[in-house]
Amino acid sequence: MSTMALQLPMNYVAVETDEMEYIDGGDGIITFRVSRGVLNAAIGIGASAAVTMALAAAGITGGLSTAVIPALAGLIAAVISNGLLSQDYYSFPMYFTGLTDLALNYASGWDRKITLAM
């Protein structure tokens, strides 16, 4: 087994962690803060419909919402089915990559938190 020292190209650029997060789109975690009103609506009209309406109210529609609806609706349905309706808000951190992460980060006002309420 031979070992060789790693050599960087002559024109390499050192990138800071903060710069890498900007290039890479951040850590990929967007936290959805969902109100009890959305959960109550999900009981009446279904989780997917409630999430769709709440996302639209937050300005998230079209293809971007279709990237979020299935997972978030599933989490909301789990909260409802387990009878966990005692809090005013529930936080659901979700991981996204690429343009979806970037678009949701933009929609959040760059703080990576999106509140959904009804």
N, C-alpha and C. Protein backbone atom coordinates (compact mmCIF):
# COMPACT_ATOMS: atom_id res chain seq x y z
N MET A 1 0.85 -1.17 0.00
CA MET A 1 0.00 0.00 0.00
C MET A 1 0.90 1.24 0.00
N SER A 2 0.77 2.04 -1.00
CA SER A 2 1.57 3.26 -1.05
C SER A 2 0.73 4.44 -0.58
N THR A 3 1.37 5.37 0.02
CA THR A 3 0.67 6.58 0.47
C THR A 3 1.31 7.78 -0.20
N MET A 4 0.46 8.70 -0.61
CA MET A 4 0.94 9.91 -1.25
C MET A 4 0.26 11.10 -0.57
N ALA A 5 0.94 12.19 -0.51
CA ALA A 5 0.37 13.41 0.06
C ALA A 5 -0.63 14.00 -0.92
N LEU A 6 -1.73 14.50 -0.37
CA LEU A 6 -2.74 15.16 -1.19
C LEU A 6 -2.19 16.51 -1.66
N GLN A 7 -2.31 16.76 -2.94
CA GLN A 7 -1.86 18.03 -3.49
C GLN A 7 -3.06 18.77 -4.08
N LEU A 8 -3.20 20.02 -3.69
CA LEU A 8 -4.27 20.84 -4.23
C LEU A 8 -3.81 21.48 -5.53
N PRO A 9 -4.73 21.76 -6.44
CA PRO A 9 -4.36 22.45 -7.68
C PRO A 9 -3.75 23.82 -7.36
N MET A 10 -2.93 24.32 -8.24
CA MET A 10 -2.27 25.60 -8.01
C MET A 10 -3.26 26.76 -7.92
N ASN A 11 -4.43 26.64 -8.55
CA ASN A 11 -5.39 27.75 -8.56
C ASN A 11 -6.57 27.51 -7.61
N TYR A 12 -6.38 26.73 -6.54
CA TYR A 12 -7.48 26.47 -5.63
C TYR A 12 -7.82 27.72 -4.82
N VAL A 13 -9.07 27.76 -4.31
CA VAL A 13 -9.52 28.87 -3.48
C VAL A 13 -10.06 28.29 -2.18
N ALA A 14 -9.61 28.80 -1.07
CA ALA A 14 -10.13 28.37 0.23
C ALA A 14 -11.53 28.96 0.41
N VAL A 15 -12.47 28.13 0.81
CA VAL A 15 -13.85 28.58 0.99
C VAL A 15 -14.21 28.42 2.46
N GLU A 16 -14.73 29.49 3.04
CA GLU A 16 -15.16 29.47 4.43
C GLU A 16 -16.44 28.65 4.55
N THR A 17 -16.72 28.16 5.76
CA THR A 17 -17.93 27.38 5.99
C THR A 17 -19.18 28.17 5.64
N ASP A 18 -19.24 29.44 6.04
CA ASP A 18 -20.41 30.27 5.73
C ASP A 18 -20.61 30.42 4.23
N GLU A 19 -19.51 30.56 3.50
CA GLU A 19 -19.59 30.68 2.05
C GLU A 19 -20.09 29.37 1.44
N MET A 20 -19.65 28.25 1.97
CA MET A 20 -20.09 26.95 1.46
C MET A 20 -21.59 26.77 1.68
N GLU A 21 -22.08 27.20 2.85
CA GLU A 21 -23.51 27.09 3.11
C GLU A 21 -24.30 27.92 2.10
N TYR A 22 -23.78 29.10 1.76
CA TYR A 22 -24.47 29.94 0.77
C TYR A 22 -24.48 29.26 -0.59
N ILE A 23 -23.35 28.72 -1.00
CA ILE A 23 -23.24 28.05 -2.30
C ILE A 23 -24.10 26.81 -2.34
N ASP A 24 -24.07 26.05 -1.25
CA ASP A 24 -24.74 24.76 -1.18
C ASP A 24 -26.23 24.90 -0.85
N GLY A 25 -26.67 26.10 -0.49
CA GLY A 25 -28.08 26.30 -0.16
C GLY A 25 -28.36 26.17 1.32
N GLY A 26 -27.35 26.10 2.16
CA GLY A 26 -27.56 26.01 3.60
C GLY A 26 -27.55 24.59 4.08
N ASP A 27 -28.11 24.40 5.26
CA ASP A 27 -28.06 23.08 5.86
C ASP A 27 -29.19 22.18 5.38
N GLY A 28 -30.12 22.72 4.61
CA GLY A 28 -31.19 21.92 4.05
C GLY A 28 -32.39 21.75 4.96
N ILE A 29 -32.32 22.24 6.19
CA ILE A 29 -33.43 22.08 7.13
C ILE A 29 -34.31 23.33 7.08
N ILE A 30 -35.57 23.11 6.77
CA ILE A 30 -36.59 24.15 6.85
C ILE A 30 -37.55 23.70 7.94
N THR A 31 -37.84 24.58 8.89
CA THR A 31 -38.76 24.23 9.96
C THR A 31 -40.12 24.85 9.68
N PHE A 32 -41.12 23.99 9.58
CA PHE A 32 -42.50 24.44 9.40
C PHE A 32 -43.14 24.50 10.78
N ARG A 33 -43.65 25.68 11.11
CA ARG A 33 -44.34 25.88 12.38
C ARG A 33 -45.82 25.88 12.03
N VAL A 34 -46.53 24.85 12.47
CA VAL A 34 -47.91 24.63 12.04
C VAL A 34 -48.85 24.90 13.21
N SER A 35 -49.85 25.75 12.97
CA SER A 35 -50.80 26.10 14.02
C SER A 35 -51.81 24.98 14.26
N ARG A 36 -52.40 25.02 15.44
CA ARG A 36 -53.46 24.06 15.77
C ARG A 36 -54.64 24.25 14.81
N GLY A 37 -54.84 25.47 14.30
CA GLY A 37 -55.92 25.71 13.34
C GLY A 37 -55.75 24.88 12.07
N VAL A 38 -54.51 24.73 11.61
CA VAL A 38 -54.25 23.89 10.44
C VAL A 38 -54.56 22.43 10.77
N LEU A 39 -54.18 22.00 11.98
CA LEU A 39 -54.48 20.62 12.39
C LEU A 39 -55.99 20.41 12.48
N ASN A 40 -56.71 21.38 13.02
CA ASN A 40 -58.16 21.26 13.11
C ASN A 40 -58.78 21.22 11.71
N ALA A 41 -58.26 22.02 10.80
CA ALA A 41 -58.76 21.99 9.42
C ALA A 41 -58.48 20.63 8.79
N ALA A 42 -57.32 20.06 9.11
CA ALA A 42 -56.98 18.74 8.56
C ALA A 42 -57.95 17.67 9.02
N ILE A 43 -58.47 17.81 10.21
CA ILE A 43 -59.47 16.85 10.71
C ILE A 43 -60.73 16.93 9.85
N GLY A 44 -61.10 18.15 9.47
CA GLY A 44 -62.33 18.35 8.70
C GLY A 44 -62.20 18.08 7.21
N ILE A 45 -61.09 18.53 6.60
CA ILE A 45 -60.99 18.42 5.13
C ILE A 45 -59.87 17.51 4.66
N GLY A 46 -59.11 16.98 5.58
CA GLY A 46 -57.99 16.11 5.21
C GLY A 46 -56.67 16.85 5.29
N ALA A 47 -55.63 16.11 5.63
CA ALA A 47 -54.32 16.71 5.85
C ALA A 47 -53.75 17.37 4.60
N SER A 48 -53.85 16.70 3.45
CA SER A 48 -53.28 17.27 2.22
C SER A 48 -53.97 18.57 1.83
N ALA A 49 -55.30 18.60 1.94
CA ALA A 49 -56.04 19.82 1.59
C ALA A 49 -55.70 20.95 2.56
N ALA A 50 -55.60 20.65 3.85
CA ALA A 50 -55.28 21.67 4.85
C ALA A 50 -53.87 22.22 4.62
N VAL A 51 -52.92 21.33 4.33
CA VAL A 51 -51.55 21.77 4.07
C VAL A 51 -51.50 22.62 2.81
N THR A 52 -52.21 22.20 1.77
CA THR A 52 -52.25 22.97 0.52
C THR A 52 -52.77 24.38 0.76
N MET A 53 -53.86 24.49 1.52
CA MET A 53 -54.44 25.80 1.81
C MET A 53 -53.50 26.65 2.66
N ALA A 54 -52.87 26.04 3.67
CA ALA A 54 -51.98 26.79 4.55
C ALA A 54 -50.72 27.24 3.80
N LEU A 55 -50.19 26.40 2.93
CA LEU A 55 -49.03 26.79 2.13
C LEU A 55 -49.39 27.93 1.19
N ALA A 56 -50.57 27.85 0.57
CA ALA A 56 -51.01 28.92 -0.33
C ALA A 56 -51.14 30.24 0.42
N ALA A 57 -51.66 30.17 1.65
CA ALA A 57 -51.79 31.39 2.46
C ALA A 57 -50.42 31.97 2.78
N ALA A 58 -49.40 31.11 2.85
CA ALA A 58 -48.02 31.57 3.11
C ALA A 58 -47.29 31.94 1.82
N GLY A 59 -47.99 31.84 0.68
CA GLY A 59 -47.39 32.21 -0.60
C GLY A 59 -46.59 31.10 -1.26
N ILE A 60 -46.77 29.88 -0.82
CA ILE A 60 -46.04 28.74 -1.39
C ILE A 60 -47.03 27.91 -2.19
N THR A 61 -46.89 27.96 -3.53
CA THR A 61 -47.85 27.28 -4.40
C THR A 61 -47.11 26.52 -5.50
N GLY A 62 -47.87 25.89 -6.36
CA GLY A 62 -47.32 25.22 -7.54
C GLY A 62 -46.39 24.08 -7.20
N GLY A 63 -45.34 23.97 -8.03
CA GLY A 63 -44.39 22.87 -7.87
C GLY A 63 -43.70 22.86 -6.52
N LEU A 64 -43.48 24.04 -5.96
CA LEU A 64 -42.84 24.11 -4.65
C LEU A 64 -43.71 23.47 -3.57
N SER A 65 -45.01 23.72 -3.64
CA SER A 65 -45.90 23.13 -2.64
C SER A 65 -46.00 21.61 -2.81
N THR A 66 -45.91 21.14 -4.04
CA THR A 66 -46.00 19.69 -4.23
C THR A 66 -44.78 18.96 -3.67
N ALA A 67 -43.69 19.68 -3.47
CA ALA A 67 -42.51 19.08 -2.85
C ALA A 67 -42.68 18.96 -1.34
N VAL A 68 -43.60 19.74 -0.78
CA VAL A 68 -43.78 19.80 0.67
C VAL A 68 -45.00 19.01 1.14
N ILE A 69 -46.08 19.06 0.38
CA ILE A 69 -47.37 18.54 0.83
C ILE A 69 -47.33 17.10 1.33
N PRO A 70 -46.80 16.13 0.59
CA PRO A 70 -46.90 14.74 1.07
C PRO A 70 -46.27 14.51 2.45
N ALA A 71 -45.06 14.99 2.64
CA ALA A 71 -44.37 14.75 3.91
C ALA A 71 -45.03 15.51 5.05
N LEU A 72 -45.35 16.78 4.83
CA LEU A 72 -45.95 17.58 5.88
C LEU A 72 -47.36 17.06 6.22
N ALA A 73 -48.11 16.67 5.21
CA ALA A 73 -49.44 16.10 5.47
C ALA A 73 -49.32 14.81 6.28
N GLY A 74 -48.32 14.01 5.99
CA GLY A 74 -48.11 12.78 6.76
C GLY A 74 -47.78 13.05 8.21
N LEU A 75 -46.95 14.05 8.45
CA LEU A 75 -46.60 14.41 9.83
C LEU A 75 -47.82 14.94 10.57
N ILE A 76 -48.60 15.77 9.90
CA ILE A 76 -49.82 16.32 10.52
C ILE A 76 -50.81 15.21 10.83
N ALA A 77 -50.98 14.27 9.90
CA ALA A 77 -51.88 13.14 10.13
C ALA A 77 -51.42 12.31 11.33
N ALA A 78 -50.11 12.15 11.49
CA ALA A 78 -49.58 11.40 12.63
C ALA A 78 -49.89 12.10 13.94
N VAL A 79 -49.75 13.42 13.97
CA VAL A 79 -50.06 14.19 15.18
C VAL A 79 -51.54 14.03 15.52
N ILE A 80 -52.40 14.14 14.51
CA ILE A 80 -53.84 14.03 14.73
C ILE A 80 -54.22 12.63 15.19
N SER A 81 -53.69 11.62 14.51
CA SER A 81 -54.07 10.25 14.84
C SER A 81 -53.61 9.82 16.22
N ASN A 82 -52.57 10.49 16.73
CA ASN A 82 -52.10 10.19 18.09
C ASN A 82 -52.72 11.11 19.13
N GLY A 83 -53.65 11.95 18.71
CA GLY A 83 -54.36 12.83 19.63
C GLY A 83 -53.49 13.90 20.27
N LEU A 84 -52.46 14.33 19.59
CA LEU A 84 -51.53 15.31 20.15
C LEU A 84 -51.93 16.73 19.75
N LEU A 85 -53.09 17.17 20.19
CA LEU A 85 -53.61 18.46 19.77
C LEU A 85 -53.62 19.48 20.90
N SER A 86 -52.68 19.39 21.83
CA SER A 86 -52.70 20.27 23.00
C SER A 86 -51.91 21.56 22.81
N GLN A 87 -51.02 21.63 21.85
CA GLN A 87 -50.17 22.81 21.65
C GLN A 87 -50.80 23.77 20.66
N ASP A 88 -50.42 25.05 20.77
CA ASP A 88 -50.89 26.05 19.80
C ASP A 88 -50.15 25.91 18.48
N TYR A 89 -48.86 25.55 18.54
CA TYR A 89 -48.04 25.37 17.34
C TYR A 89 -47.20 24.11 17.47
N TYR A 90 -46.97 23.48 16.34
CA TYR A 90 -46.11 22.29 16.25
C TYR A 90 -45.00 22.58 15.25
N SER A 91 -43.79 22.19 15.57
CA SER A 91 -42.66 22.42 14.68
C SER A 91 -42.25 21.13 13.99
N PHE A 92 -42.11 21.21 12.68
CA PHE A 92 -41.71 20.07 11.87
C PHE A 92 -40.48 20.45 11.05
N PRO A 93 -39.27 20.09 11.52
CA PRO A 93 -38.08 20.34 10.70
C PRO A 93 -38.02 19.33 9.57
N MET A 94 -37.84 19.80 8.35
CA MET A 94 -37.81 18.92 7.19
C MET A 94 -36.57 19.25 6.36
N TYR A 95 -35.99 18.23 5.77
CA TYR A 95 -34.76 18.38 4.99
C TYR A 95 -35.08 18.49 3.50
N PHE A 96 -34.53 19.50 2.85
CA PHE A 96 -34.69 19.69 1.41
C PHE A 96 -33.33 19.94 0.79
N THR A 97 -33.22 19.69 -0.49
CA THR A 97 -31.95 19.92 -1.19
C THR A 97 -32.19 20.78 -2.43
N GLY A 98 -31.10 21.28 -2.97
CA GLY A 98 -31.12 21.96 -4.26
C GLY A 98 -32.03 23.16 -4.32
N LEU A 99 -32.71 23.28 -5.45
CA LEU A 99 -33.56 24.44 -5.69
C LEU A 99 -34.76 24.49 -4.76
N THR A 100 -35.26 23.33 -4.34
CA THR A 100 -36.38 23.32 -3.39
C THR A 100 -35.95 23.96 -2.08
N ASP A 101 -34.77 23.57 -1.59
CA ASP A 101 -34.25 24.17 -0.37
C ASP A 101 -34.06 25.67 -0.54
N LEU A 102 -33.48 26.07 -1.64
CA LEU A 102 -33.23 27.49 -1.89
C LEU A 102 -34.54 28.28 -1.97
N ALA A 103 -35.52 27.74 -2.68
CA ALA A 103 -36.81 28.42 -2.83
C ALA A 103 -37.54 28.52 -1.49
N LEU A 104 -37.52 27.46 -0.69
CA LEU A 104 -38.18 27.50 0.61
C LEU A 104 -37.43 28.44 1.56
N ASN A 105 -36.12 28.46 1.47
CA ASN A 105 -35.33 29.38 2.28
C ASN A 105 -35.70 30.82 1.92
N TYR A 106 -35.84 31.11 0.63
CA TYR A 106 -36.27 32.43 0.17
C TYR A 106 -37.67 32.75 0.69
N ALA A 107 -38.59 31.76 0.57
CA ALA A 107 -39.97 31.96 1.03
C ALA A 107 -40.02 32.23 2.53
N SER A 108 -39.05 31.72 3.27
CA SER A 108 -39.02 31.91 4.72
C SER A 108 -38.45 33.27 5.11
N GLY A 109 -37.99 34.03 4.15
CA GLY A 109 -37.33 35.29 4.46
C GLY A 109 -35.91 35.06 4.93
N TRP A 110 -35.34 33.92 4.52
CA TRP A 110 -33.96 33.52 4.80
C TRP A 110 -33.71 33.09 6.24
N ASP A 111 -34.77 32.90 7.05
CA ASP A 111 -34.52 32.42 8.41
C ASP A 111 -34.81 30.93 8.57
N ARG A 112 -35.22 30.28 7.47
CA ARG A 112 -35.43 28.84 7.41
C ARG A 112 -36.59 28.37 8.29
N LYS A 113 -37.53 29.30 8.58
CA LYS A 113 -38.71 28.97 9.38
C LYS A 113 -39.94 29.49 8.65
N ILE A 114 -40.93 28.63 8.47
CA ILE A 114 -42.15 29.02 7.79
C ILE A 114 -43.33 28.68 8.70
N THR A 115 -44.13 29.69 9.01
CA THR A 115 -45.30 29.49 9.87
C THR A 115 -46.53 29.30 9.00
N LEU A 116 -47.26 28.23 9.27
CA LEU A 116 -48.51 27.95 8.56
C LEU A 116 -49.64 28.05 9.56
N ALA A 117 -50.59 28.95 9.28
CA ALA A 117 -51.70 29.16 10.21
C ALA A 117 -52.98 29.36 9.44
N MET A 118 -54.07 29.11 10.12
CA MET A 118 -55.41 29.34 9.54
C MET A 118 -56.27 29.96 10.61
